[in-house]
């Protein structure tokens, strides 16, 4: 798993990208990622980053969080 800060040029927002390689992640940890996504979709608080976008590409999950 790796995390990087970047800037979304289309919406002019600061985002953090969490990249999770599904090939090297255990099935138990993948379940935790799915649970994280479900929880983050429901949260809305000014002090918690918001899940902005999620996609799967070439065996990796990319989770984009607005901060």
C-alpha atoms as a PDB file:
ATOM      1  CA  UNK A   1       0.000   0.000   0.000  1.00  0.00           C
ATOM      2  CA  UNK A   2       1.218   3.481  -0.762  1.00  0.00           C
ATOM      3  CA  UNK A   3      -0.252   6.928  -0.183  1.00  0.00           C
ATOM      4  CA  UNK A   4       0.544  10.103  -2.094  1.00  0.00           C
ATOM      5  CA  UNK A   5      -0.743  13.663  -1.960  1.00  0.00           C
ATOM      6  CA  UNK A   6      -1.699  15.239  -5.244  1.00  0.00           C
ATOM      7  CA  UNK A   7      -3.873  17.938  -6.778  1.00  0.00           C
ATOM      8  CA  UNK A   8      -6.995  17.227  -8.842  1.00  0.00           C
ATOM      9  CA  UNK A   9      -6.825  19.585 -11.784  1.00  0.00           C
ATOM     10  CA  UNK A  10     -10.443  19.096 -12.850  1.00  0.00           C
ATOM     11  CA  UNK A  11     -12.018  20.223  -9.557  1.00  0.00           C
ATOM     12  CA  UNK A  12      -9.085  22.200  -8.084  1.00  0.00           C
ATOM     13  CA  UNK A  13      -9.096  20.082  -4.908  1.00  0.00           C
ATOM     14  CA  UNK A  14      -6.293  18.590  -2.866  1.00  0.00           C
ATOM     15  CA  UNK A  15      -6.570  14.817  -2.787  1.00  0.00           C
ATOM     16  CA  UNK A  16      -4.693  11.936  -1.205  1.00  0.00           C
ATOM     17  CA  UNK A  17      -4.398   8.755  -3.254  1.00  0.00           C
ATOM     18  CA  UNK A  18      -4.212   5.403  -1.485  1.00  0.00           C
ATOM     19  CA  UNK A  19      -2.969   2.653  -3.811  1.00  0.00           C
ATOM     20  CA  UNK A  20      -3.498  -0.959  -2.759  1.00  0.00           C
ATOM     21  CA  UNK A  21      -2.042  -3.762  -4.868  1.00  0.00           C
ATOM     22  CA  UNK A  22      -4.566  -6.625  -4.732  1.00  0.00           C
ATOM     23  CA  UNK A  23      -1.945  -9.162  -5.826  1.00  0.00           C
ATOM     24  CA  UNK A  24       0.248  -8.597  -2.750  1.00  0.00           C
ATOM     25  CA  UNK A  25      -2.539  -7.935  -0.233  1.00  0.00           C
ATOM     26  CA  UNK A  26      -3.992 -10.755   1.835  1.00  0.00           C
ATOM     27  CA  UNK A  27      -7.679 -11.693   1.448  1.00  0.00           C
ATOM     28  CA  UNK A  28      -8.257 -10.576   5.040  1.00  0.00           C
ATOM     29  CA  UNK A  29      -6.762  -7.146   4.314  1.00  0.00           C
ATOM     30  CA  UNK A  30      -8.835  -6.827   1.134  1.00  0.00           C
ATOM     31  CA  UNK A  31     -11.960  -7.362   3.236  1.00  0.00           C
ATOM     32  CA  UNK A  32     -10.749  -4.550   5.502  1.00  0.00           C
ATOM     33  CA  UNK A  33     -10.351  -2.285   2.477  1.00  0.00           C
ATOM     34  CA  UNK A  34     -13.907  -3.068   1.362  1.00  0.00           C
ATOM     35  CA  UNK A  35     -15.130  -2.279   4.865  1.00  0.00           C
ATOM     36  CA  UNK A  36     -13.145   0.977   4.899  1.00  0.00           C
ATOM     37  CA  UNK A  37     -14.805   2.016   1.637  1.00  0.00           C
ATOM     38  CA  UNK A  38     -18.281   1.231   2.984  1.00  0.00           C
ATOM     39  CA  UNK A  39     -17.634   3.243   6.148  1.00  0.00           C
ATOM     40  CA  UNK A  40     -15.992   6.175   4.373  1.00  0.00           C
ATOM     41  CA  UNK A  41     -18.958   6.498   1.996  1.00  0.00           C
ATOM     42  CA  UNK A  42     -21.203   7.109   5.007  1.00  0.00           C
ATOM     43  CA  UNK A  43     -19.019   9.585   6.898  1.00  0.00           C
ATOM     44  CA  UNK A  44     -19.385  13.311   6.637  1.00  0.00           C
ATOM     45  CA  UNK A  45     -17.378  15.380   9.115  1.00  0.00           C
ATOM     46  CA  UNK A  46     -15.160  18.452   8.639  1.00  0.00           C
ATOM     47  CA  UNK A  47     -12.218  16.767  10.409  1.00  0.00           C
ATOM     48  CA  UNK A  48     -12.341  13.477   8.469  1.00  0.00           C
ATOM     49  CA  UNK A  49     -11.159  13.150   4.875  1.00  0.00           C
ATOM     50  CA  UNK A  50     -13.928  12.359   2.419  1.00  0.00           C
ATOM     51  CA  UNK A  51     -13.749   9.419   0.019  1.00  0.00           C
ATOM     52  CA  UNK A  52     -13.936  11.159  -3.342  1.00  0.00           C
ATOM     53  CA  UNK A  53     -13.406   8.444  -5.926  1.00  0.00           C
ATOM     54  CA  UNK A  54     -12.502   4.754  -6.119  1.00  0.00           C
ATOM     55  CA  UNK A  55     -11.484   2.555  -9.021  1.00  0.00           C
ATOM     56  CA  UNK A  56      -9.747  -0.733  -9.749  1.00  0.00           C
ATOM     57  CA  UNK A  57      -7.061  -0.761 -12.436  1.00  0.00           C
ATOM     58  CA  UNK A  58      -4.409  -3.384 -13.223  1.00  0.00           C
ATOM     59  CA  UNK A  59      -4.874  -5.319  -9.970  1.00  0.00           C
ATOM     60  CA  UNK A  60      -4.738  -2.209  -7.784  1.00  0.00           C
ATOM     61  CA  UNK A  61      -7.397  -0.268  -5.916  1.00  0.00           C
ATOM     62  CA  UNK A  62      -7.039   3.508  -6.114  1.00  0.00           C
ATOM     63  CA  UNK A  63      -8.892   5.376  -3.363  1.00  0.00           C
ATOM     64  CA  UNK A  64      -8.989   9.160  -3.677  1.00  0.00           C
ATOM     65  CA  UNK A  65      -9.675  11.186  -0.538  1.00  0.00           C
ATOM     66  CA  UNK A  66     -10.368  14.935  -0.508  1.00  0.00           C
ATOM     67  CA  UNK A  67      -8.510  16.824   2.219  1.00  0.00           C
END
